């Protein structure tokens, strides 16, 4: 049976294969891998030597920390004009800092030191309590909180605007996400003060109909503005047409359809007030 020894790096494994070929098991060993299979009659001293070197290599490999992503705040606090400073250099140092529990790591960065030389720096910083957040991290966190608060406020303002125009989902959002009380939402909808005397299912129906009323009023305002704008544009275009015709010796045109629509609009306006003060009632 062969003796297996796993090395940390393949070159170290291959060095034993090349130096002691007579002790390598030709059946079990495979040069593609870092594990070397020695024959059963390999001297104990050679196995001890190989195992010690393999242990050292694996320990070094496991001690490799890699790199960690940098935040914008961390990039701002690092002086990249220093001799050794670079983004990969800083990312490697941050990874070391995370390994030793140092969150205020930028306070310990030295632009004249290598990544490996920062290993001891970060280890000592971790032992000294360098895990406390530094001012830069606190500023970053505060900016994040402020941004979230602004986003929440903007969302509530947007919902309030839609609620004012009768959007029931927006009104519900104001209560659930923005902390509005029911009477505040009722006030936004424009419900009369005495509506509080109505309770139960009737109160729910009243709230829904108030929402419908507000939505209809909003549509009324938009479409009335659209009508006024369309009428003005049509009249201006008609006047321009007749001005061009006049310049070329042609008689002015009568725009019959514009006149018809204007008459219809006037008729609608004259009948708009069916009840004085718009105290509307349902016919029974």
C-alpha atoms as a PDB file:
ATOM      1  CA  UNK A   1       0.000   0.000   0.000  1.00  0.00           C
ATOM      2  CA  UNK A   2       1.340   3.455  -0.925  1.00  0.00           C
ATOM      3  CA  UNK A   3       1.780   6.419   1.449  1.00  0.00           C
ATOM      4  CA  UNK A   4      -0.079   9.571   0.303  1.00  0.00           C
ATOM      5  CA  UNK A   5       1.256  13.056   1.107  1.00  0.00           C
ATOM      6  CA  UNK A   6      -0.692  16.137  -0.026  1.00  0.00           C
ATOM      7  CA  UNK A   7       1.452  19.194  -0.752  1.00  0.00           C
ATOM      8  CA  UNK A   8       0.288  22.799  -0.738  1.00  0.00           C
ATOM      9  CA  UNK A   9       1.657  23.493  -4.221  1.00  0.00           C
ATOM     10  CA  UNK A  10       2.133  21.202  -7.212  1.00  0.00           C
ATOM     11  CA  UNK A  11       5.767  22.298  -7.867  1.00  0.00           C
ATOM     12  CA  UNK A  12       6.704  21.043  -4.401  1.00  0.00           C
ATOM     13  CA  UNK A  13       5.030  17.718  -5.119  1.00  0.00           C
ATOM     14  CA  UNK A  14       6.783  17.405  -8.481  1.00  0.00           C
ATOM     15  CA  UNK A  15      10.144  18.162  -6.858  1.00  0.00           C
ATOM     16  CA  UNK A  16       9.822  14.989  -4.751  1.00  0.00           C
ATOM     17  CA  UNK A  17       8.738  13.001  -7.785  1.00  0.00           C
ATOM     18  CA  UNK A  18      11.803  14.148  -9.707  1.00  0.00           C
ATOM     19  CA  UNK A  19      14.297  13.800  -6.848  1.00  0.00           C
ATOM     20  CA  UNK A  20      13.125  10.443  -5.482  1.00  0.00           C
ATOM     21  CA  UNK A  21      11.608   8.571  -8.454  1.00  0.00           C
ATOM     22  CA  UNK A  22      12.552   5.208  -6.965  1.00  0.00           C
ATOM     23  CA  UNK A  23      10.207   5.857  -4.016  1.00  0.00           C
ATOM     24  CA  UNK A  24       7.196   6.997  -6.067  1.00  0.00           C
ATOM     25  CA  UNK A  25       4.406   4.432  -6.513  1.00  0.00           C
ATOM     26  CA  UNK A  26       3.912   4.031 -10.258  1.00  0.00           C
ATOM     27  CA  UNK A  27       0.468   2.489  -9.745  1.00  0.00           C
ATOM     28  CA  UNK A  28      -1.165   5.124  -7.508  1.00  0.00           C
ATOM     29  CA  UNK A  29       0.729   8.336  -8.232  1.00  0.00           C
ATOM     30  CA  UNK A  30      -0.527  10.852 -10.808  1.00  0.00           C
ATOM     31  CA  UNK A  31       1.576  13.906 -11.730  1.00  0.00           C
ATOM     32  CA  UNK A  32      -1.568  15.911 -12.448  1.00  0.00           C
ATOM     33  CA  UNK A  33      -2.249  16.229  -8.731  1.00  0.00           C
ATOM     34  CA  UNK A  34      -0.555  17.717  -5.676  1.00  0.00           C
ATOM     35  CA  UNK A  35      -0.805  14.464  -3.718  1.00  0.00           C
ATOM     36  CA  UNK A  36       2.293  12.275  -4.018  1.00  0.00           C
ATOM     37  CA  UNK A  37       2.005   8.522  -3.464  1.00  0.00           C
ATOM     38  CA  UNK A  38       5.176   7.022  -2.025  1.00  0.00           C
ATOM     39  CA  UNK A  39       5.962   3.301  -2.083  1.00  0.00           C
ATOM     40  CA  UNK A  40       5.506   1.285   1.078  1.00  0.00           C
ATOM     41  CA  UNK A  41       9.281   0.831   1.504  1.00  0.00           C
ATOM     42  CA  UNK A  42      10.053   4.575   1.460  1.00  0.00           C
ATOM     43  CA  UNK A  43      12.426   5.492   4.325  1.00  0.00           C
ATOM     44  CA  UNK A  44      10.674   7.023   7.300  1.00  0.00           C
ATOM     45  CA  UNK A  45      12.970  10.052   7.302  1.00  0.00           C
ATOM     46  CA  UNK A  46      11.927  10.869   3.736  1.00  0.00           C
ATOM     47  CA  UNK A  47       8.243  10.550   4.586  1.00  0.00           C
ATOM     48  CA  UNK A  48       8.703  12.776   7.663  1.00  0.00           C
ATOM     49  CA  UNK A  49      10.508  15.362   5.557  1.00  0.00           C
ATOM     50  CA  UNK A  50       7.822  15.279   2.874  1.00  0.00           C
ATOM     51  CA  UNK A  51       5.003  15.515   5.412  1.00  0.00           C
ATOM     52  CA  UNK A  52       6.627  18.485   7.168  1.00  0.00           C
ATOM     53  CA  UNK A  53       7.102  20.361   3.897  1.00  0.00           C
ATOM     54  CA  UNK A  54       3.562  19.495   2.811  1.00  0.00           C
ATOM     55  CA  UNK A  55       2.126  20.780   6.112  1.00  0.00           C
ATOM     56  CA  UNK A  56       4.037  24.036   5.727  1.00  0.00           C
ATOM     57  CA  UNK A  57       2.830  24.480   2.158  1.00  0.00           C
ATOM     58  CA  UNK A  58      -0.813  23.859   3.029  1.00  0.00           C
ATOM     59  CA  UNK A  59      -0.613  26.276   5.947  1.00  0.00           C
ATOM     60  CA  UNK A  60       0.784  28.987   3.681  1.00  0.00           C
ATOM     61  CA  UNK A  61      -1.965  28.337   1.134  1.00  0.00           C
ATOM     62  CA  UNK A  62      -4.715  28.503   3.759  1.00  0.00           C
ATOM     63  CA  UNK A  63      -3.238  31.749   5.074  1.00  0.00           C
ATOM     64  CA  UNK A  64      -3.791  33.441   1.729  1.00  0.00           C
ATOM     65  CA  UNK A  65      -6.610  35.976   2.200  1.00  0.00           C
ATOM     66  CA  UNK A  66      -7.276  37.059  -1.375  1.00  0.00           C
ATOM     67  CA  UNK A  67      -8.936  40.423  -1.967  1.00  0.00           C
ATOM     68  CA  UNK A  68     -12.032  42.293  -0.845  1.00  0.00           C
ATOM     69  CA  UNK A  69     -14.062  44.884  -2.730  1.00  0.00           C
ATOM     70  CA  UNK A  70     -13.598  48.539  -1.777  1.00  0.00           C
ATOM     71  CA  UNK A  71     -16.429  50.955  -1.045  1.00  0.00           C
ATOM     72  CA  UNK A  72     -16.433  54.462  -2.495  1.00  0.00           C
ATOM     73  CA  UNK A  73     -15.712  55.870   0.951  1.00  0.00           C
ATOM     74  CA  UNK A  74     -12.693  53.600   1.393  1.00  0.00           C
ATOM     75  CA  UNK A  75     -11.323  54.589  -2.006  1.00  0.00           C
ATOM     76  CA  UNK A  76     -11.637  58.250  -1.027  1.00  0.00           C
ATOM     77  CA  UNK A  77      -9.707  57.708   2.212  1.00  0.00           C
ATOM     78  CA  UNK A  78      -6.737  55.927   0.617  1.00  0.00           C
ATOM     79  CA  UNK A  79      -3.913  58.026  -0.814  1.00  0.00           C
ATOM     80  CA  UNK A  80      -3.172  56.303  -4.106  1.00  0.00           C
ATOM     81  CA  UNK A  81      -0.256  58.651  -4.730  1.00  0.00           C
ATOM     82  CA  UNK A  82       1.791  56.658  -2.206  1.00  0.00           C
ATOM     83  CA  UNK A  83       4.624  54.557  -3.684  1.00  0.00           C
ATOM     84  CA  UNK A  84       3.019  51.134  -3.374  1.00  0.00           C
ATOM     85  CA  UNK A  85      -0.641  52.136  -3.407  1.00  0.00           C
ATOM     86  CA  UNK A  86      -2.959  50.619  -6.006  1.00  0.00           C
ATOM     87  CA  UNK A  87      -6.475  49.222  -6.050  1.00  0.00           C
ATOM     88  CA  UNK A  88      -5.372  45.529  -5.937  1.00  0.00           C
ATOM     89  CA  UNK A  89      -2.919  46.425  -3.143  1.00  0.00           C
ATOM     90  CA  UNK A  90      -5.696  48.085  -1.135  1.00  0.00           C
ATOM     91  CA  UNK A  91      -8.148  45.237  -1.753  1.00  0.00           C
ATOM     92  CA  UNK A  92      -5.602  42.720  -0.462  1.00  0.00           C
ATOM     93  CA  UNK A  93      -4.997  44.798   2.667  1.00  0.00           C
ATOM     94  CA  UNK A  94      -8.745  45.050   3.284  1.00  0.00           C
ATOM     95  CA  UNK A  95      -8.986  41.263   3.055  1.00  0.00           C
ATOM     96  CA  UNK A  96      -6.252  41.001   5.700  1.00  0.00           C
ATOM     97  CA  UNK A  97      -8.121  43.502   7.865  1.00  0.00           C
ATOM     98  CA  UNK A  98     -11.320  41.473   7.609  1.00  0.00           C
ATOM     99  CA  UNK A  99      -9.407  38.356   8.594  1.00  0.00           C
ATOM    100  CA  UNK A 100      -8.175  40.025  11.789  1.00  0.00           C
ATOM    101  CA  UNK A 101     -11.442  41.815  12.546  1.00  0.00           C
ATOM    102  CA  UNK A 102     -10.276  45.364  11.793  1.00  0.00           C
ATOM    103  CA  UNK A 103     -13.118  47.426  10.336  1.00  0.00           C
ATOM    104  CA  UNK A 104     -11.368  50.819  10.574  1.00  0.00           C
ATOM    105  CA  UNK A 105      -8.581  49.382   8.446  1.00  0.00           C
ATOM    106  CA  UNK A 106      -7.923  52.502   6.361  1.00  0.00           C
ATOM    107  CA  UNK A 107      -6.546  54.156   9.508  1.00  0.00           C
ATOM    108  CA  UNK A 108      -3.743  51.572   9.552  1.00  0.00           C
ATOM    109  CA  UNK A 109      -2.822  51.605   5.861  1.00  0.00           C
ATOM    110  CA  UNK A 110       0.782  52.606   5.141  1.00  0.00           C
ATOM    111  CA  UNK A 111       1.575  53.420   1.523  1.00  0.00           C
ATOM    112  CA  UNK A 112       5.232  52.462   1.991  1.00  0.00           C
ATOM    113  CA  UNK A 113       4.482  48.884   3.119  1.00  0.00           C
ATOM    114  CA  UNK A 114       3.791  45.795   1.043  1.00  0.00           C
ATOM    115  CA  UNK A 115       0.637  43.746   1.440  1.00  0.00           C
ATOM    116  CA  UNK A 116       2.549  41.090   3.380  1.00  0.00           C
ATOM    117  CA  UNK A 117       4.019  43.738   5.700  1.00  0.00           C
ATOM    118  CA  UNK A 118       0.477  44.871   6.483  1.00  0.00           C
ATOM    119  CA  UNK A 119      -0.276  41.394   7.822  1.00  0.00           C
ATOM    120  CA  UNK A 120       1.412  42.104  11.153  1.00  0.00           C
ATOM    121  CA  UNK A 121      -0.035  45.625  11.214  1.00  0.00           C
ATOM    122  CA  UNK A 122      -3.588  44.329  10.898  1.00  0.00           C
ATOM    123  CA  UNK A 123      -3.003  41.480  13.328  1.00  0.00           C
ATOM    124  CA  UNK A 124      -1.796  43.927  15.986  1.00  0.00           C
ATOM    125  CA  UNK A 125      -4.631  46.347  15.194  1.00  0.00           C
ATOM    126  CA  UNK A 126      -7.143  43.563  15.701  1.00  0.00           C
ATOM    127  CA  UNK A 127      -5.603  42.724  19.071  1.00  0.00           C
ATOM    128  CA  UNK A 128      -5.705  46.398  20.067  1.00  0.00           C
ATOM    129  CA  UNK A 129      -9.397  46.724  19.283  1.00  0.00           C
ATOM    130  CA  UNK A 130      -9.272  48.118  15.769  1.00  0.00           C
ATOM    131  CA  UNK A 131     -12.676  46.637  15.122  1.00  0.00           C
ATOM    132  CA  UNK A 132     -14.493  49.825  16.019  1.00  0.00           C
ATOM    133  CA  UNK A 133     -16.010  51.692  13.103  1.00  0.00           C
ATOM    134  CA  UNK A 134     -14.037  54.773  12.106  1.00  0.00           C
ATOM    135  CA  UNK A 135     -15.452  58.204  11.297  1.00  0.00           C
ATOM    136  CA  UNK A 136     -15.389  57.479   7.579  1.00  0.00           C
ATOM    137  CA  UNK A 137     -17.496  54.354   7.965  1.00  0.00           C
ATOM    138  CA  UNK A 138     -19.906  56.239  10.197  1.00  0.00           C
ATOM    139  CA  UNK A 139     -20.238  58.959   7.571  1.00  0.00           C
ATOM    140  CA  UNK A 140     -20.939  56.326   4.924  1.00  0.00           C
ATOM    141  CA  UNK A 141     -23.607  54.730   7.091  1.00  0.00           C
ATOM    142  CA  UNK A 142     -25.168  58.108   7.867  1.00  0.00           C
ATOM    143  CA  UNK A 143     -25.299  58.980   4.173  1.00  0.00           C
ATOM    144  CA  UNK A 144     -27.013  55.669   3.486  1.00  0.00           C
ATOM    145  CA  UNK A 145     -29.577  56.355   6.225  1.00  0.00           C
ATOM    146  CA  UNK A 146     -30.230  59.852   4.890  1.00  0.00           C
ATOM    147  CA  UNK A 147     -30.646  58.543   1.348  1.00  0.00           C
ATOM    148  CA  UNK A 148     -33.129  55.934   2.565  1.00  0.00           C
ATOM    149  CA  UNK A 149     -35.038  58.604   4.497  1.00  0.00           C
ATOM    150  CA  UNK A 150     -35.185  60.857   1.431  1.00  0.00           C
ATOM    151  CA  UNK A 151     -36.417  57.985  -0.699  1.00  0.00           C
ATOM    152  CA  UNK A 152     -39.113  57.183   1.867  1.00  0.00           C
ATOM    153  CA  UNK A 153     -40.185  60.831   2.049  1.00  0.00           C
ATOM    154  CA  UNK A 154     -40.352  61.120  -1.734  1.00  0.00           C
ATOM    155  CA  UNK A 155     -42.426  57.950  -1.908  1.00  0.00           C
ATOM    156  CA  UNK A 156     -44.844  59.298   0.698  1.00  0.00           C
ATOM    157  CA  UNK A 157     -45.127  62.647  -1.094  1.00  0.00           C
ATOM    158  CA  UNK A 158     -45.852  60.832  -4.344  1.00  0.00           C
ATOM    159  CA  UNK A 159     -48.471  58.658  -2.659  1.00  0.00           C
ATOM    160  CA  UNK A 160     -50.095  61.699  -1.029  1.00  0.00           C
ATOM    161  CA  UNK A 161     -50.464  63.373  -4.412  1.00  0.00           C
ATOM    162  CA  UNK A 162     -52.133  60.280  -5.860  1.00  0.00           C
ATOM    163  CA  UNK A 163     -54.316  59.885  -2.776  1.00  0.00           C
ATOM    164  CA  UNK A 164     -55.517  63.473  -3.193  1.00  0.00           C
ATOM    165  CA  UNK A 165     -56.705  62.444  -6.638  1.00  0.00           C
ATOM    166  CA  UNK A 166     -58.645  59.484  -5.330  1.00  0.00           C
ATOM    167  CA  UNK A 167     -56.184  56.603  -5.765  1.00  0.00           C
ATOM    168  CA  UNK A 168     -57.224  54.073  -3.066  1.00  0.00           C
ATOM    169  CA  UNK A 169     -53.927  52.150  -3.248  1.00  0.00           C
ATOM    170  CA  UNK A 170     -51.996  55.359  -2.613  1.00  0.00           C
ATOM    171  CA  UNK A 171     -54.199  56.171   0.373  1.00  0.00           C
ATOM    172  CA  UNK A 172     -53.612  52.692   1.761  1.00  0.00           C
ATOM    173  CA  UNK A 173     -49.850  53.140   1.264  1.00  0.00           C
ATOM    174  CA  UNK A 174     -49.959  56.349   3.295  1.00  0.00           C
ATOM    175  CA  UNK A 175     -51.448  54.457   6.223  1.00  0.00           C
ATOM    176  CA  UNK A 176     -49.313  51.319   5.974  1.00  0.00           C
ATOM    177  CA  UNK A 177     -45.918  52.756   5.016  1.00  0.00           C
ATOM    178  CA  UNK A 178     -45.987  56.436   5.931  1.00  0.00           C
ATOM    179  CA  UNK A 179     -47.710  56.308   9.319  1.00  0.00           C
ATOM    180  CA  UNK A 180     -50.786  58.339   8.363  1.00  0.00           C
ATOM    181  CA  UNK A 181     -53.843  57.964  10.560  1.00  0.00           C
ATOM    182  CA  UNK A 182     -57.243  57.258   9.030  1.00  0.00           C
ATOM    183  CA  UNK A 183     -58.517  60.752   9.809  1.00  0.00           C
ATOM    184  CA  UNK A 184     -55.454  62.246   8.101  1.00  0.00           C
ATOM    185  CA  UNK A 185     -56.187  60.269   4.954  1.00  0.00           C
ATOM    186  CA  UNK A 186     -59.817  61.373   5.142  1.00  0.00           C
ATOM    187  CA  UNK A 187     -58.637  64.967   5.360  1.00  0.00           C
ATOM    188  CA  UNK A 188     -56.451  64.485   2.275  1.00  0.00           C
ATOM    189  CA  UNK A 189     -59.432  63.091   0.404  1.00  0.00           C
ATOM    190  CA  UNK A 190     -61.416  66.155   1.390  1.00  0.00           C
ATOM    191  CA  UNK A 191     -64.100  64.339   3.336  1.00  0.00           C
ATOM    192  CA  UNK A 192     -66.340  66.623   5.449  1.00  0.00           C
ATOM    193  CA  UNK A 193     -65.660  66.753   9.169  1.00  0.00           C
ATOM    194  CA  UNK A 194     -69.013  65.226  10.116  1.00  0.00           C
ATOM    195  CA  UNK A 195     -68.261  62.029   8.155  1.00  0.00           C
ATOM    196  CA  UNK A 196     -66.791  60.629  11.363  1.00  0.00           C
ATOM    197  CA  UNK A 197     -70.342  60.022  12.601  1.00  0.00           C
ATOM    198  CA  UNK A 198     -70.791  57.352   9.930  1.00  0.00           C
ATOM    199  CA  UNK A 199     -69.411  53.968  10.980  1.00  0.00           C
ATOM    200  CA  UNK A 200     -69.305  50.344   9.874  1.00  0.00           C
ATOM    201  CA  UNK A 201     -69.893  49.289   6.280  1.00  0.00           C
ATOM    202  CA  UNK A 202     -71.357  52.670   5.480  1.00  0.00           C
ATOM    203  CA  UNK A 203     -68.102  54.348   6.471  1.00  0.00           C
ATOM    204  CA  UNK A 204     -66.199  52.075   4.101  1.00  0.00           C
ATOM    205  CA  UNK A 205     -68.628  52.811   1.302  1.00  0.00           C
ATOM    206  CA  UNK A 206     -68.323  56.522   2.015  1.00  0.00           C
ATOM    207  CA  UNK A 207     -64.540  56.347   1.834  1.00  0.00           C
ATOM    208  CA  UNK A 208     -64.684  54.517  -1.489  1.00  0.00           C
ATOM    209  CA  UNK A 209     -67.137  56.977  -2.991  1.00  0.00           C
ATOM    210  CA  UNK A 210     -65.031  59.897  -1.804  1.00  0.00           C
ATOM    211  CA  UNK A 211     -62.141  58.279  -3.613  1.00  0.00           C
ATOM    212  CA  UNK A 212     -64.250  57.966  -6.744  1.00  0.00           C
ATOM    213  CA  UNK A 213     -65.310  61.588  -6.455  1.00  0.00           C
ATOM    214  CA  UNK A 214     -61.728  62.802  -6.125  1.00  0.00           C
ATOM    215  CA  UNK A 215     -60.630  60.684  -9.082  1.00  0.00           C
ATOM    216  CA  UNK A 216     -63.478  62.047 -11.203  1.00  0.00           C
ATOM    217  CA  UNK A 217     -62.665  65.634 -10.221  1.00  0.00           C
ATOM    218  CA  UNK A 218     -59.025  65.095 -11.172  1.00  0.00           C
ATOM    219  CA  UNK A 219     -60.090  63.719 -14.548  1.00  0.00           C
ATOM    220  CA  UNK A 220     -62.554  66.599 -14.957  1.00  0.00           C
ATOM    221  CA  UNK A 221     -59.749  69.109 -14.383  1.00  0.00           C
ATOM    222  CA  UNK A 222     -57.396  67.396 -16.827  1.00  0.00           C
ATOM    223  CA  UNK A 223     -59.943  67.019 -19.594  1.00  0.00           C
ATOM    224  CA  UNK A 224     -61.278  70.547 -19.187  1.00  0.00           C
ATOM    225  CA  UNK A 225     -57.738  71.851 -19.545  1.00  0.00           C
ATOM    226  CA  UNK A 226     -57.241  69.622 -22.590  1.00  0.00           C
ATOM    227  CA  UNK A 227     -60.440  70.943 -24.179  1.00  0.00           C
ATOM    228  CA  UNK A 228     -59.426  74.558 -23.620  1.00  0.00           C
ATOM    229  CA  UNK A 229     -55.973  73.906 -25.057  1.00  0.00           C
ATOM    230  CA  UNK A 230     -57.324  71.990 -28.074  1.00  0.00           C
ATOM    231  CA  UNK A 231     -59.864  74.725 -28.825  1.00  0.00           C
ATOM    232  CA  UNK A 232     -57.179  77.416 -28.676  1.00  0.00           C
ATOM    233  CA  UNK A 233     -54.870  75.433 -30.976  1.00  0.00           C
ATOM    234  CA  UNK A 234     -57.665  74.796 -33.481  1.00  0.00           C
ATOM    235  CA  UNK A 235     -58.618  78.477 -33.562  1.00  0.00           C
ATOM    236  CA  UNK A 236     -54.984  79.521 -33.997  1.00  0.00           C
ATOM    237  CA  UNK A 237     -54.470  77.015 -36.821  1.00  0.00           C
ATOM    238  CA  UNK A 238     -57.673  78.176 -38.544  1.00  0.00           C
ATOM    239  CA  UNK A 239     -56.555  81.797 -38.322  1.00  0.00           C
ATOM    240  CA  UNK A 240     -53.157  80.900 -39.808  1.00  0.00           C
ATOM    241  CA  UNK A 241     -54.813  79.041 -42.679  1.00  0.00           C
ATOM    242  CA  UNK A 242     -56.956  82.055 -43.567  1.00  0.00           C
ATOM    243  CA  UNK A 243     -53.964  84.384 -43.270  1.00  0.00           C
ATOM    244  CA  UNK A 244     -52.048  82.313 -45.828  1.00  0.00           C
ATOM    245  CA  UNK A 245     -55.090  82.148 -48.114  1.00  0.00           C
ATOM    246  CA  UNK A 246     -55.501  85.912 -47.889  1.00  0.00           C
ATOM    247  CA  UNK A 247     -51.857  86.458 -48.886  1.00  0.00           C
ATOM    248  CA  UNK A 248     -52.546  84.456 -52.026  1.00  0.00           C
ATOM    249  CA  UNK A 249     -55.778  86.223 -52.925  1.00  0.00           C
ATOM    250  CA  UNK A 250     -58.150  83.536 -51.649  1.00  0.00           C
ATOM    251  CA  UNK A 251     -61.281  84.100 -49.583  1.00  0.00           C
ATOM    252  CA  UNK A 252     -61.365  83.187 -45.903  1.00  0.00           C
ATOM    253  CA  UNK A 253     -62.733  79.743 -45.061  1.00  0.00           C
ATOM    254  CA  UNK A 254     -65.552  78.957 -42.668  1.00  0.00           C
ATOM    255  CA  UNK A 255     -64.461  76.139 -40.343  1.00  0.00           C
ATOM    256  CA  UNK A 256     -67.795  74.440 -39.816  1.00  0.00           C
ATOM    257  CA  UNK A 257     -66.608  71.597 -37.606  1.00  0.00           C
ATOM    258  CA  UNK A 258     -64.880  74.006 -35.237  1.00  0.00           C
ATOM    259  CA  UNK A 259     -68.086  76.015 -35.000  1.00  0.00           C
ATOM    260  CA  UNK A 260     -70.137  72.877 -34.326  1.00  0.00           C
ATOM    261  CA  UNK A 261     -67.862  71.718 -31.527  1.00  0.00           C
ATOM    262  CA  UNK A 262     -67.796  75.189 -30.007  1.00  0.00           C
ATOM    263  CA  UNK A 263     -71.598  75.256 -30.021  1.00  0.00           C
ATOM    264  CA  UNK A 264     -71.675  71.811 -28.382  1.00  0.00           C
ATOM    265  CA  UNK A 265     -69.256  73.009 -25.708  1.00  0.00           C
ATOM    266  CA  UNK A 266     -71.399  76.046 -25.014  1.00  0.00           C
ATOM    267  CA  UNK A 267     -74.503  73.875 -24.718  1.00  0.00           C
ATOM    268  CA  UNK A 268     -72.756  71.578 -22.245  1.00  0.00           C
ATOM    269  CA  UNK A 269     -71.557  74.568 -20.240  1.00  0.00           C
ATOM    270  CA  UNK A 270     -75.046  76.078 -20.060  1.00  0.00           C
ATOM    271  CA  UNK A 271     -76.442  72.835 -18.656  1.00  0.00           C
ATOM    272  CA  UNK A 272     -73.517  72.126 -16.357  1.00  0.00           C
ATOM    273  CA  UNK A 273     -75.218  73.459 -13.211  1.00  0.00           C
ATOM    274  CA  UNK A 274     -78.230  71.207 -12.819  1.00  0.00           C
ATOM    275  CA  UNK A 275     -78.462  72.035  -9.124  1.00  0.00           C
ATOM    276  CA  UNK A 276     -77.535  75.233  -7.344  1.00  0.00           C
ATOM    277  CA  UNK A 277     -74.325  74.801  -5.377  1.00  0.00           C
ATOM    278  CA  UNK A 278     -73.925  71.313  -6.827  1.00  0.00           C
ATOM    279  CA  UNK A 279     -75.833  69.612  -4.054  1.00  0.00           C
ATOM    280  CA  UNK A 280     -76.222  66.465  -6.116  1.00  0.00           C
ATOM    281  CA  UNK A 281     -78.943  63.947  -5.302  1.00  0.00           C
ATOM    282  CA  UNK A 282     -79.669  60.482  -6.673  1.00  0.00           C
ATOM    283  CA  UNK A 283     -83.041  60.256  -8.379  1.00  0.00           C
ATOM    284  CA  UNK A 284     -85.304  57.616  -6.833  1.00  0.00           C
END
